[in-house]
Structure formats: C-alpha cells, structure tokens
Amino acid sequence: MEAGGRMATTDIDARFTAMFERHYNEVLAYCVRRTNRAEADDVAAEVFAVAWRRSDEIEWETVRPWLYGIARGVLSNRWRSVKRRDRLTKKMASMAPASSDAADVVVVRRSHDTEVVGVLELLKPSDQEILRLAAWEELTAPEVAVVLGISTSAAEQRLHRAKRRFAAKMEHKLTHSDSFRAAGQGGGR
C-alpha cells in the first residue's frame, strides 16, 4: 500500500488481472445469454475496459455482480443505440431475433426448457431479467441487488413477485396444454 491508503499500481494491476481471469468467462456467458456470440465478445471486452477505468470503485467482495451490472449497462446502451438506428432508418419493425441461434436457444435445448423460456418471454422485461439473474447466473438476492442497483430488500421483493407471476403463467400454460392434449386423445368431451 502507498501512503494515504491507496493501493500501489502494481497491486491494482495484479488484482485486476486475477479478476479478469476468474470472471471473464462468467461475464461472457452472461452476455451470450442476452445477445449473439459476436456481440457478446464485444460487450465482455467493453465490460472489462469500463471496469479498468473504474478500478478505484471495485468492491472486491462483490466484484462478479458488479461486473454483471456493468454488462447490463453496456447491453442496455447498445440496445438503445440499435433502437434509435432502427427507428431512424425504419429497416426493422421489431427487435425480435432473426435467427434460430438466439441467446435463449443456446442456453436451453430440451422441449420443456423451451416451454419455460416461452413462458418467461410472456413476462415483462424486468421480471425476465431478475429471474435470469437468479436462475441462469445463480446470483443471490444481495448480488442481484448490486447488478440492478437496488436494495437487497427490493431485490428480494421483486424476485418473489417475478417468481409468483412466472409460476402463475406456467400453471396456466400447463393446465391449458394438458386439457388440449386430453381433448385431442379423446379424453375431453
């Protein structure tokens, strides 16, 4: 440590390098689940560039969710840019993925998982994101709070409500698809 309590540059470099090596693949996976692979590579690189510029702000105990928060911001900025460009050029009517290798398809392979993703997509974007953070990124409520920039209590409440809304939509889908199958097999009259 240098005088005044600041860490020496070589210490920061070493800690940053260790952080990069430990968390790069996790940040990349976070990005891949939200965009295509080429874009995810760019976003992950930008995340660590931002982290380097803000290295004096790093809370080393919560660095992974802090990095996810940066990734979320980078992705949001990119999405806003795309929306502005699309609105100006009117080349695209929506932001729906054009190919079958969308991020969700990469993550899930089985038909049940595809149904779960389908139900997830029926939820509002904020519910989708908090459920993805908890399930796909395996973050705790305090870590989700860091990513979203909210209190732990708010994260717990939002997560609980999102799970409840997801469960209700899933129950509705299962109930209706079971009724439909039973009717198709001669079970319903």
N, C-alpha and C. Protein backbone atom coordinates (compact mmCIF):
# COMPACT_ATOMS: atom_id res chain seq x y z
N MET A 1 0.84 -1.18 0.00
CA MET A 1 0.00 0.00 0.00
C MET A 1 0.88 1.24 0.00
N GLU A 2 0.44 2.25 -0.70
CA GLU A 2 1.15 3.51 -0.72
C GLU A 2 0.68 4.37 0.44
N ALA A 3 1.40 5.45 0.69
CA ALA A 3 0.99 6.39 1.72
C ALA A 3 -0.39 6.94 1.36
N GLY A 4 -1.24 7.15 2.36
CA GLY A 4 -2.58 7.66 2.10
C GLY A 4 -3.59 6.56 1.91
N GLY A 5 -3.18 5.28 2.05
CA GLY A 5 -4.13 4.18 1.97
C GLY A 5 -4.45 3.69 0.58
N ARG A 6 -3.89 4.29 -0.47
CA ARG A 6 -4.16 3.83 -1.83
C ARG A 6 -3.29 2.65 -2.17
N MET A 7 -3.82 1.75 -2.94
CA MET A 7 -3.09 0.58 -3.36
C MET A 7 -2.09 0.94 -4.46
N ALA A 8 -0.92 0.35 -4.42
CA ALA A 8 0.09 0.60 -5.45
C ALA A 8 -0.43 0.12 -6.80
N THR A 9 0.03 0.77 -7.86
CA THR A 9 -0.43 0.43 -9.21
C THR A 9 -0.19 -1.04 -9.54
N THR A 10 0.95 -1.58 -9.15
CA THR A 10 1.22 -3.00 -9.45
C THR A 10 0.26 -3.91 -8.71
N ASP A 11 -0.16 -3.52 -7.49
CA ASP A 11 -1.16 -4.32 -6.76
C ASP A 11 -2.50 -4.30 -7.47
N ILE A 12 -2.89 -3.13 -7.95
CA ILE A 12 -4.16 -3.00 -8.68
C ILE A 12 -4.08 -3.81 -9.98
N ASP A 13 -2.97 -3.71 -10.68
CA ASP A 13 -2.80 -4.47 -11.92
C ASP A 13 -2.94 -5.97 -11.65
N ALA A 14 -2.29 -6.45 -10.61
CA ALA A 14 -2.34 -7.88 -10.28
C ALA A 14 -3.75 -8.31 -9.90
N ARG A 15 -4.43 -7.50 -9.09
CA ARG A 15 -5.80 -7.85 -8.69
C ARG A 15 -6.74 -7.81 -9.88
N PHE A 16 -6.55 -6.81 -10.75
CA PHE A 16 -7.41 -6.71 -11.92
C PHE A 16 -7.19 -7.91 -12.84
N THR A 17 -5.94 -8.28 -13.05
CA THR A 17 -5.62 -9.45 -13.89
C THR A 17 -6.26 -10.70 -13.32
N ALA A 18 -6.15 -10.89 -12.02
CA ALA A 18 -6.75 -12.06 -11.38
C ALA A 18 -8.27 -12.03 -11.52
N MET A 19 -8.87 -10.85 -11.37
CA MET A 19 -10.31 -10.71 -11.53
C MET A 19 -10.72 -11.05 -12.96
N PHE A 20 -9.98 -10.54 -13.91
CA PHE A 20 -10.28 -10.81 -15.32
C PHE A 20 -10.23 -12.32 -15.59
N GLU A 21 -9.17 -12.96 -15.16
CA GLU A 21 -9.00 -14.40 -15.40
C GLU A 21 -10.10 -15.21 -14.72
N ARG A 22 -10.52 -14.77 -13.55
CA ARG A 22 -11.54 -15.52 -12.81
C ARG A 22 -12.94 -15.30 -13.36
N HIS A 23 -13.25 -14.09 -13.81
CA HIS A 23 -14.64 -13.75 -14.13
C HIS A 23 -14.94 -13.53 -15.61
N TYR A 24 -13.93 -13.53 -16.48
CA TYR A 24 -14.20 -13.24 -17.89
C TYR A 24 -15.22 -14.21 -18.48
N ASN A 25 -15.03 -15.51 -18.29
CA ASN A 25 -15.95 -16.48 -18.88
C ASN A 25 -17.36 -16.35 -18.33
N GLU A 26 -17.50 -15.99 -17.06
CA GLU A 26 -18.83 -15.78 -16.48
C GLU A 26 -19.50 -14.56 -17.11
N VAL A 27 -18.75 -13.49 -17.28
CA VAL A 27 -19.30 -12.29 -17.90
C VAL A 27 -19.66 -12.57 -19.36
N LEU A 28 -18.81 -13.29 -20.05
CA LEU A 28 -19.10 -13.65 -21.43
C LEU A 28 -20.37 -14.49 -21.52
N ALA A 29 -20.52 -15.47 -20.63
CA ALA A 29 -21.73 -16.31 -20.63
C ALA A 29 -22.96 -15.46 -20.36
N TYR A 30 -22.87 -14.52 -19.43
CA TYR A 30 -23.97 -13.60 -19.15
C TYR A 30 -24.38 -12.87 -20.43
N CYS A 31 -23.39 -12.41 -21.17
CA CYS A 31 -23.65 -11.66 -22.40
C CYS A 31 -24.22 -12.56 -23.50
N VAL A 32 -23.68 -13.77 -23.64
CA VAL A 32 -24.14 -14.70 -24.67
C VAL A 32 -25.61 -15.04 -24.46
N ARG A 33 -26.03 -15.12 -23.20
CA ARG A 33 -27.43 -15.45 -22.92
C ARG A 33 -28.36 -14.28 -23.23
N ARG A 34 -27.81 -13.13 -23.56
CA ARG A 34 -28.64 -11.96 -23.82
C ARG A 34 -28.48 -11.39 -25.23
N THR A 35 -27.49 -11.90 -25.96
CA THR A 35 -27.26 -11.40 -27.32
C THR A 35 -26.52 -12.47 -28.11
N ASN A 36 -26.16 -12.20 -29.34
CA ASN A 36 -25.44 -13.20 -30.14
C ASN A 36 -23.97 -13.25 -29.73
N ARG A 37 -23.26 -14.27 -30.17
CA ARG A 37 -21.88 -14.51 -29.71
C ARG A 37 -20.93 -13.38 -30.09
N ALA A 38 -21.02 -12.90 -31.32
CA ALA A 38 -20.11 -11.84 -31.76
C ALA A 38 -20.32 -10.58 -30.92
N GLU A 39 -21.55 -10.22 -30.70
CA GLU A 39 -21.87 -9.05 -29.88
C GLU A 39 -21.43 -9.30 -28.44
N ALA A 40 -21.61 -10.52 -27.95
CA ALA A 40 -21.24 -10.86 -26.57
C ALA A 40 -19.74 -10.68 -26.35
N ASP A 41 -18.94 -11.07 -27.32
CA ASP A 41 -17.48 -10.89 -27.21
C ASP A 41 -17.15 -9.40 -27.06
N ASP A 42 -17.78 -8.57 -27.87
CA ASP A 42 -17.54 -7.12 -27.81
C ASP A 42 -17.99 -6.55 -26.47
N VAL A 43 -19.16 -6.98 -26.02
CA VAL A 43 -19.70 -6.47 -24.76
C VAL A 43 -18.79 -6.87 -23.60
N ALA A 44 -18.36 -8.13 -23.57
CA ALA A 44 -17.48 -8.59 -22.48
C ALA A 44 -16.18 -7.78 -22.46
N ALA A 45 -15.63 -7.52 -23.63
CA ALA A 45 -14.40 -6.71 -23.69
C ALA A 45 -14.67 -5.30 -23.16
N GLU A 46 -15.81 -4.74 -23.53
CA GLU A 46 -16.15 -3.40 -23.06
C GLU A 46 -16.37 -3.38 -21.55
N VAL A 47 -16.96 -4.45 -21.01
CA VAL A 47 -17.18 -4.54 -19.57
C VAL A 47 -15.85 -4.40 -18.83
N PHE A 48 -14.85 -5.14 -19.28
CA PHE A 48 -13.57 -5.09 -18.58
C PHE A 48 -12.82 -3.78 -18.84
N ALA A 49 -13.07 -3.15 -19.97
CA ALA A 49 -12.48 -1.83 -20.20
C ALA A 49 -13.09 -0.81 -19.24
N VAL A 50 -14.40 -0.88 -19.05
CA VAL A 50 -15.06 0.00 -18.09
C VAL A 50 -14.57 -0.31 -16.68
N ALA A 51 -14.48 -1.58 -16.35
CA ALA A 51 -14.01 -1.98 -15.02
C ALA A 51 -12.60 -1.45 -14.77
N TRP A 52 -11.75 -1.49 -15.78
CA TRP A 52 -10.39 -0.98 -15.63
C TRP A 52 -10.41 0.53 -15.35
N ARG A 53 -11.23 1.25 -16.11
CA ARG A 53 -11.32 2.69 -15.91
C ARG A 53 -11.88 3.03 -14.52
N ARG A 54 -12.73 2.15 -14.01
CA ARG A 54 -13.36 2.39 -12.71
C ARG A 54 -12.75 1.52 -11.61
N SER A 55 -11.52 1.06 -11.81
CA SER A 55 -10.90 0.11 -10.87
C SER A 55 -10.82 0.65 -9.45
N ASP A 56 -10.81 1.96 -9.29
CA ASP A 56 -10.79 2.50 -7.93
C ASP A 56 -12.13 2.34 -7.22
N GLU A 57 -13.19 1.98 -7.95
CA GLU A 57 -14.52 1.78 -7.38
C GLU A 57 -14.81 0.31 -7.06
N ILE A 58 -13.93 -0.59 -7.43
CA ILE A 58 -14.21 -2.02 -7.30
C ILE A 58 -14.36 -2.41 -5.84
N GLU A 59 -15.47 -3.06 -5.56
CA GLU A 59 -15.69 -3.70 -4.26
C GLU A 59 -15.33 -5.17 -4.49
N TRP A 60 -14.16 -5.57 -4.07
CA TRP A 60 -13.63 -6.89 -4.42
C TRP A 60 -14.50 -8.02 -3.90
N GLU A 61 -15.24 -7.80 -2.84
CA GLU A 61 -16.09 -8.85 -2.28
C GLU A 61 -17.32 -9.11 -3.16
N THR A 62 -17.75 -8.13 -3.91
CA THR A 62 -18.94 -8.27 -4.76
C THR A 62 -18.61 -7.96 -6.21
N VAL A 63 -17.43 -8.38 -6.64
CA VAL A 63 -16.96 -7.99 -7.97
C VAL A 63 -17.79 -8.65 -9.08
N ARG A 64 -18.21 -9.90 -8.93
CA ARG A 64 -18.96 -10.57 -10.01
C ARG A 64 -20.28 -9.87 -10.29
N PRO A 65 -21.13 -9.63 -9.29
CA PRO A 65 -22.36 -8.91 -9.60
C PRO A 65 -22.10 -7.48 -10.07
N TRP A 66 -21.02 -6.86 -9.58
CA TRP A 66 -20.64 -5.52 -10.06
C TRP A 66 -20.35 -5.57 -11.55
N LEU A 67 -19.62 -6.61 -11.99
CA LEU A 67 -19.33 -6.78 -13.42
C LEU A 67 -20.61 -7.02 -14.22
N TYR A 68 -21.53 -7.83 -13.66
CA TYR A 68 -22.81 -8.06 -14.33
C TYR A 68 -23.58 -6.74 -14.46
N GLY A 69 -23.49 -5.90 -13.45
CA GLY A 69 -24.15 -4.60 -13.53
C GLY A 69 -23.58 -3.76 -14.67
N ILE A 70 -22.27 -3.80 -14.81
CA ILE A 70 -21.64 -3.08 -15.93
C ILE A 70 -22.11 -3.68 -17.26
N ALA A 71 -22.12 -5.02 -17.34
CA ALA A 71 -22.56 -5.69 -18.57
C ALA A 71 -24.00 -5.31 -18.91
N ARG A 72 -24.83 -5.27 -17.90
CA ARG A 72 -26.23 -4.89 -18.10
C ARG A 72 -26.31 -3.49 -18.69
N GLY A 73 -25.50 -2.58 -18.15
CA GLY A 73 -25.49 -1.21 -18.66
C GLY A 73 -24.96 -1.13 -20.08
N VAL A 74 -23.90 -1.86 -20.37
CA VAL A 74 -23.33 -1.87 -21.72
C VAL A 74 -24.36 -2.42 -22.71
N LEU A 75 -24.99 -3.53 -22.34
CA LEU A 75 -26.01 -4.11 -23.22
C LEU A 75 -27.17 -3.13 -23.41
N SER A 76 -27.60 -2.48 -22.34
CA SER A 76 -28.69 -1.51 -22.44
C SER A 76 -28.32 -0.38 -23.39
N ASN A 77 -27.12 0.13 -23.26
CA ASN A 77 -26.67 1.20 -24.16
C ASN A 77 -26.67 0.74 -25.61
N ARG A 78 -26.18 -0.47 -25.83
CA ARG A 78 -26.15 -0.99 -27.20
C ARG A 78 -27.56 -1.17 -27.74
N TRP A 79 -28.45 -1.69 -26.89
CA TRP A 79 -29.83 -1.89 -27.34
C TRP A 79 -30.51 -0.57 -27.65
N ARG A 80 -30.25 0.45 -26.83
CA ARG A 80 -30.83 1.77 -27.11
C ARG A 80 -30.31 2.32 -28.43
N SER A 81 -29.03 2.11 -28.69
CA SER A 81 -28.45 2.58 -29.95
C SER A 81 -29.09 1.89 -31.14
N VAL A 82 -29.28 0.61 -31.01
CA VAL A 82 -29.91 -0.16 -32.09
C VAL A 82 -31.34 0.32 -32.31
N LYS A 83 -32.06 0.55 -31.22
CA LYS A 83 -33.44 1.02 -31.36
C LYS A 83 -33.50 2.38 -32.05
N ARG A 84 -32.58 3.26 -31.65
CA ARG A 84 -32.55 4.58 -32.30
C ARG A 84 -32.26 4.44 -33.79
N ARG A 85 -31.28 3.63 -34.11
CA ARG A 85 -30.92 3.44 -35.52
C ARG A 85 -32.09 2.83 -36.28
N ASP A 86 -32.75 1.84 -35.68
CA ASP A 86 -33.87 1.20 -36.34
C ASP A 86 -35.03 2.16 -36.56
N ARG A 87 -35.26 2.98 -35.54
CA ARG A 87 -36.34 3.97 -35.66
C ARG A 87 -36.02 4.95 -36.77
N LEU A 88 -34.77 5.39 -36.86
CA LEU A 88 -34.39 6.37 -37.86
C LEU A 88 -34.39 5.78 -39.26
N THR A 89 -33.89 4.58 -39.40
CA THR A 89 -33.79 4.00 -40.74
C THR A 89 -35.04 3.22 -41.14
N LYS A 90 -35.85 2.85 -40.17
CA LYS A 90 -37.08 2.08 -40.40
C LYS A 90 -36.83 0.80 -41.18
N LYS A 91 -35.64 0.19 -40.96
CA LYS A 91 -35.33 -1.06 -41.65
C LYS A 91 -35.90 -2.27 -40.93
N MET A 92 -36.10 -2.10 -39.60
CA MET A 92 -36.62 -3.24 -38.83
C MET A 92 -37.89 -2.82 -38.12
N ALA A 93 -38.85 -3.69 -38.09
CA ALA A 93 -40.10 -3.39 -37.41
C ALA A 93 -40.03 -3.72 -35.93
N SER A 94 -39.14 -4.65 -35.56
CA SER A 94 -39.03 -5.01 -34.15
C SER A 94 -37.61 -5.46 -33.85
N MET A 95 -37.36 -5.71 -32.59
CA MET A 95 -36.05 -6.16 -32.15
C MET A 95 -36.00 -7.68 -31.95
N ALA A 96 -36.97 -8.40 -32.50
CA ALA A 96 -37.01 -9.85 -32.34
C ALA A 96 -35.80 -10.48 -33.02
N PRO A 97 -35.23 -11.52 -32.40
CA PRO A 97 -34.09 -12.19 -33.01
C PRO A 97 -34.47 -12.77 -34.36
N ALA A 98 -33.60 -12.63 -35.33
CA ALA A 98 -33.88 -13.07 -36.69
C ALA A 98 -33.47 -14.51 -36.94
N SER A 99 -32.60 -15.06 -36.11
CA SER A 99 -32.11 -16.40 -36.39
C SER A 99 -32.51 -17.37 -35.29
N SER A 100 -32.35 -18.65 -35.58
CA SER A 100 -32.69 -19.67 -34.61
C SER A 100 -31.62 -19.83 -33.54
N ASP A 101 -30.49 -19.16 -33.66
CA ASP A 101 -29.46 -19.28 -32.64
C ASP A 101 -29.48 -18.10 -31.67
N ALA A 102 -30.72 -17.68 -31.31
CA ALA A 102 -30.87 -16.63 -30.32
C ALA A 102 -30.28 -17.08 -28.99
N ALA A 103 -29.98 -16.14 -28.14
CA ALA A 103 -29.31 -16.45 -26.87
C ALA A 103 -30.06 -17.49 -26.06
N ASP A 104 -31.38 -17.40 -25.97
CA ASP A 104 -32.14 -18.37 -25.18
C ASP A 104 -32.04 -19.78 -25.75
N VAL A 105 -31.98 -19.89 -27.09
CA VAL A 105 -31.88 -21.20 -27.71
C VAL A 105 -30.54 -21.85 -27.39
N VAL A 106 -29.49 -21.04 -27.30
CA VAL A 106 -28.18 -21.57 -26.95
C VAL A 106 -28.20 -22.15 -25.55
N VAL A 107 -28.91 -21.51 -24.64
CA VAL A 107 -28.94 -21.93 -23.24
C VAL A 107 -29.77 -23.19 -23.05
N VAL A 108 -30.90 -23.27 -23.70
CA VAL A 108 -31.81 -24.40 -23.46
C VAL A 108 -31.94 -25.27 -24.69
N ARG A 109 -32.00 -26.56 -24.46
CA ARG A 109 -32.08 -27.49 -25.57
C ARG A 109 -33.34 -28.36 -25.52
N ARG A 110 -33.77 -28.75 -24.36
CA ARG A 110 -34.90 -29.67 -24.25
C ARG A 110 -36.22 -28.95 -24.48
N SER A 111 -37.25 -29.70 -24.88
CA SER A 111 -38.54 -29.08 -25.18
C SER A 111 -39.15 -28.44 -23.94
N HIS A 112 -39.00 -29.05 -22.77
CA HIS A 112 -39.53 -28.44 -21.55
C HIS A 112 -38.85 -27.10 -21.30
N ASP A 113 -37.55 -27.06 -21.51
CA ASP A 113 -36.83 -25.80 -21.31
C ASP A 113 -37.31 -24.75 -22.29
N THR A 114 -37.63 -25.16 -23.51
CA THR A 114 -38.15 -24.24 -24.50
C THR A 114 -39.50 -23.69 -24.04
N GLU A 115 -40.32 -24.55 -23.43
CA GLU A 115 -41.60 -24.09 -22.89
C GLU A 115 -41.38 -23.09 -21.77
N VAL A 116 -40.41 -23.36 -20.91
CA VAL A 116 -40.11 -22.46 -19.81
C VAL A 116 -39.66 -21.10 -20.36
N VAL A 117 -38.81 -21.11 -21.36
CA VAL A 117 -38.35 -19.86 -21.97
C VAL A 117 -39.54 -19.14 -22.61
N GLY A 118 -40.43 -19.89 -23.23
CA GLY A 118 -41.63 -19.29 -23.82
C GLY A 118 -42.48 -18.58 -22.79
N VAL A 119 -42.66 -19.21 -21.63
CA VAL A 119 -43.42 -18.59 -20.55
C VAL A 119 -42.65 -17.38 -20.00
N LEU A 120 -41.34 -17.52 -19.86
CA LEU A 120 -40.52 -16.41 -19.38
C LEU A 120 -40.70 -15.19 -20.28
N GLU A 121 -40.76 -15.40 -21.58
CA GLU A 121 -40.89 -14.30 -22.53
C GLU A 121 -42.26 -13.61 -22.45
N LEU A 122 -43.23 -14.25 -21.79
CA LEU A 122 -44.53 -13.62 -21.60
C LEU A 122 -44.51 -12.58 -20.48
N LEU A 123 -43.48 -12.64 -19.65
CA LEU A 123 -43.36 -11.71 -18.53
C LEU A 123 -42.79 -10.38 -19.01
N LYS A 124 -42.97 -9.36 -18.20
CA LYS A 124 -42.39 -8.06 -18.56
C LYS A 124 -40.87 -8.16 -18.46
N PRO A 125 -40.14 -7.35 -19.21
CA PRO A 125 -38.67 -7.45 -19.26
C PRO A 125 -37.99 -7.40 -17.90
N SER A 126 -38.49 -6.58 -16.99
CA SER A 126 -37.84 -6.50 -15.67
C SER A 126 -37.97 -7.82 -14.91
N ASP A 127 -39.11 -8.51 -15.05
CA ASP A 127 -39.28 -9.83 -14.42
C ASP A 127 -38.36 -10.85 -15.09
N GLN A 128 -38.27 -10.79 -16.42
CA GLN A 128 -37.38 -11.71 -17.13
C GLN A 128 -35.95 -11.56 -16.64
N GLU A 129 -35.49 -10.32 -16.53
CA GLU A 129 -34.10 -10.08 -16.15
C GLU A 129 -33.81 -10.57 -14.75
N ILE A 130 -34.69 -10.29 -13.80
CA ILE A 130 -34.40 -10.69 -12.42
C ILE A 130 -34.43 -12.21 -12.27
N LEU A 131 -35.32 -12.87 -13.00
CA LEU A 131 -35.37 -14.34 -12.96
C LEU A 131 -34.13 -14.94 -13.63
N ARG A 132 -33.68 -14.34 -14.72
CA ARG A 132 -32.45 -14.82 -15.37
C ARG A 132 -31.24 -14.63 -14.46
N LEU A 133 -31.16 -13.50 -13.79
CA LEU A 133 -30.05 -13.28 -12.87
C LEU A 133 -30.03 -14.33 -11.76
N ALA A 134 -31.20 -14.63 -11.23
CA ALA A 134 -31.28 -15.60 -10.13
C ALA A 134 -31.06 -17.03 -10.63
N ALA A 135 -31.66 -17.38 -11.76
CA ALA A 135 -31.60 -18.77 -12.22
C ALA A 135 -30.37 -19.05 -13.09
N TRP A 136 -30.16 -18.26 -14.11
CA TRP A 136 -29.06 -18.54 -15.04
C TRP A 136 -27.71 -18.13 -14.50
N GLU A 137 -27.68 -16.98 -13.83
CA GLU A 137 -26.40 -16.51 -13.30
C GLU A 137 -26.16 -17.00 -11.88
N GLU A 138 -27.20 -17.61 -11.29
CA GLU A 138 -27.13 -18.18 -9.94
C GLU A 138 -26.69 -17.13 -8.91
N LEU A 139 -27.27 -15.94 -9.03
CA LEU A 139 -26.94 -14.87 -8.09
C LEU A 139 -27.91 -14.90 -6.91
N THR A 140 -27.41 -14.53 -5.76
CA THR A 140 -28.24 -14.38 -4.57
C THR A 140 -28.97 -13.04 -4.65
N ALA A 141 -29.95 -12.85 -3.79
CA ALA A 141 -30.69 -11.58 -3.79
C ALA A 141 -29.76 -10.39 -3.55
N PRO A 142 -28.80 -10.46 -2.61
CA PRO A 142 -27.89 -9.32 -2.46
C PRO A 142 -27.05 -9.06 -3.72
N GLU A 143 -26.67 -10.12 -4.43
CA GLU A 143 -25.91 -9.94 -5.67
C GLU A 143 -26.78 -9.35 -6.77
N VAL A 144 -28.04 -9.82 -6.85
CA VAL A 144 -28.99 -9.26 -7.81
C VAL A 144 -29.16 -7.76 -7.53
N ALA A 145 -29.22 -7.42 -6.24
CA ALA A 145 -29.37 -6.01 -5.86
C ALA A 145 -28.22 -5.17 -6.39
N VAL A 146 -27.00 -5.72 -6.33
CA VAL A 146 -25.84 -4.98 -6.84
C VAL A 146 -25.96 -4.79 -8.35
N VAL A 147 -26.34 -5.85 -9.07
CA VAL A 147 -26.47 -5.76 -10.53
C VAL A 147 -27.51 -4.71 -10.92
N LEU A 148 -28.65 -4.74 -10.24
CA LEU A 148 -29.74 -3.84 -10.61
C LEU A 148 -29.64 -2.46 -9.96
N GLY A 149 -28.72 -2.31 -9.03
CA GLY A 149 -28.57 -1.02 -8.36
C GLY A 149 -29.73 -0.70 -7.43
N ILE A 150 -30.24 -1.72 -6.74
CA ILE A 150 -31.36 -1.54 -5.81
C ILE A 150 -30.97 -2.14 -4.47
N SER A 151 -31.82 -1.97 -3.48
CA SER A 151 -31.54 -2.54 -2.16
C SER A 151 -31.79 -4.05 -2.19
N THR A 152 -31.19 -4.75 -1.23
CA THR A 152 -31.40 -6.19 -1.13
C THR A 152 -32.87 -6.50 -0.89
N SER A 153 -33.51 -5.71 -0.05
CA SER A 153 -34.94 -5.90 0.23
C SER A 153 -35.77 -5.76 -1.04
N ALA A 154 -35.47 -4.75 -1.83
CA ALA A 154 -36.20 -4.55 -3.09
C ALA A 154 -35.95 -5.71 -4.04
N ALA A 155 -34.71 -6.19 -4.09
CA ALA A 155 -34.39 -7.33 -4.96
C ALA A 155 -35.16 -8.57 -4.52
N GLU A 156 -35.21 -8.82 -3.22
CA GLU A 156 -35.96 -9.97 -2.71
C GLU A 156 -37.43 -9.87 -3.06
N GLN A 157 -38.02 -8.68 -2.89
CA GLN A 157 -39.43 -8.48 -3.22
C GLN A 157 -39.69 -8.67 -4.71
N ARG A 158 -38.84 -8.05 -5.53
CA ARG A 158 -39.02 -8.17 -6.99
C ARG A 158 -38.86 -9.61 -7.45
N LEU A 159 -37.88 -10.30 -6.88
CA LEU A 159 -37.66 -11.70 -7.25
C LEU A 159 -38.86 -12.55 -6.84
N HIS A 160 -39.36 -12.34 -5.64
CA HIS A 160 -40.52 -13.10 -5.17
C HIS A 160 -41.73 -12.86 -6.08
N ARG A 161 -41.97 -11.61 -6.41
CA ARG A 161 -43.12 -11.28 -7.27
C ARG A 161 -42.93 -11.85 -8.67
N ALA A 162 -41.72 -11.76 -9.19
CA ALA A 162 -41.46 -12.30 -10.54
C ALA A 162 -41.65 -13.81 -10.55
N LYS A 163 -41.19 -14.50 -9.51
CA LYS A 163 -41.39 -15.95 -9.41
C LYS A 163 -42.87 -16.29 -9.35
N ARG A 164 -43.62 -15.50 -8.58
CA ARG A 164 -45.06 -15.74 -8.46
C ARG A 164 -45.76 -15.55 -9.81
N ARG A 165 -45.40 -14.49 -10.53
CA ARG A 165 -46.01 -14.25 -11.84
C ARG A 165 -45.62 -15.34 -12.84
N PHE A 166 -44.35 -15.76 -12.78
CA PHE A 166 -43.89 -16.83 -13.66
C PHE A 166 -44.65 -18.12 -13.36
N ALA A 167 -44.78 -18.47 -12.08
CA ALA A 167 -45.48 -19.70 -11.70
C ALA A 167 -46.93 -19.68 -12.17
N ALA A 168 -47.58 -18.54 -12.05
CA ALA A 168 -48.98 -18.43 -12.49
C ALA A 168 -49.09 -18.63 -14.00
N LYS A 169 -48.19 -18.02 -14.76
CA LYS A 169 -48.23 -18.19 -16.22
C LYS A 169 -47.88 -19.63 -16.62
N MET A 170 -46.93 -20.23 -15.90
CA MET A 170 -46.55 -21.61 -16.19
C MET A 170 -47.71 -22.55 -15.88
N GLU A 171 -48.37 -22.34 -14.76
CA GLU A 171 -49.53 -23.15 -14.37
C GLU A 171 -50.63 -23.02 -15.43
N HIS A 172 -50.88 -21.80 -15.87
CA HIS A 172 -51.89 -21.56 -16.90
C HIS A 172 -51.54 -22.32 -18.18
N LYS A 173 -50.29 -22.24 -18.58
CA LYS A 173 -49.85 -22.93 -19.81
C LYS A 173 -49.99 -24.43 -19.66
N LEU A 174 -49.54 -24.98 -18.53
CA LEU A 174 -49.60 -26.43 -18.32
C LEU A 174 -51.04 -26.90 -18.26
N THR A 175 -51.89 -26.17 -17.58
CA THR A 175 -53.30 -26.54 -17.46
C THR A 175 -53.95 -26.55 -18.83
N HIS A 176 -53.69 -25.53 -19.62
CA HIS A 176 -54.31 -25.44 -20.94
C HIS A 176 -53.72 -26.44 -21.92
N SER A 177 -52.43 -26.69 -21.85
CA SER A 177 -51.84 -27.66 -22.79
C SER A 177 -52.25 -29.07 -22.42
N ASP A 178 -52.41 -29.40 -21.12
CA ASP A 178 -52.88 -30.72 -20.72
C ASP A 178 -54.32 -30.94 -21.16
N SER A 179 -55.17 -29.91 -21.02
CA SER A 179 -56.57 -30.01 -21.47
C SER A 179 -56.63 -30.22 -22.97
N PHE A 180 -55.79 -29.51 -23.70
CA PHE A 180 -55.76 -29.62 -25.15
C PHE A 180 -55.34 -31.03 -25.56
N ARG A 181 -54.28 -31.57 -24.92
CA ARG A 181 -53.82 -32.92 -25.24
C ARG A 181 -54.88 -33.96 -24.91
N ALA A 182 -55.54 -33.81 -23.77
CA ALA A 182 -56.58 -34.76 -23.38
C ALA A 182 -57.73 -34.73 -24.38
N ALA A 183 -58.11 -33.56 -24.83
CA ALA A 183 -59.19 -33.44 -25.82
C ALA A 183 -58.77 -34.07 -27.13
N GLY A 184 -57.52 -33.91 -27.51
CA GLY A 184 -57.01 -34.46 -28.76
C GLY A 184 -56.90 -35.98 -28.73
N GLN A 185 -56.79 -36.56 -27.53
CA GLN A 185 -56.67 -38.01 -27.40
C GLN A 185 -58.01 -38.66 -27.09
N GLY A 186 -59.06 -37.89 -27.21
CA GLY A 186 -60.39 -38.44 -26.94
C GLY A 186 -60.74 -38.39 -25.47
N GLY A 187 -59.91 -37.76 -24.66
CA GLY A 187 -60.16 -37.69 -23.23
C GLY A 187 -61.11 -36.59 -22.85
N GLY A 188 -61.29 -35.58 -23.70
CA GLY A 188 -62.18 -34.47 -23.35
C GLY A 188 -63.43 -34.51 -24.17
N ARG A 189 -64.56 -34.19 -23.58
CA ARG A 189 -65.82 -34.19 -24.33
C ARG A 189 -66.55 -32.91 -24.11
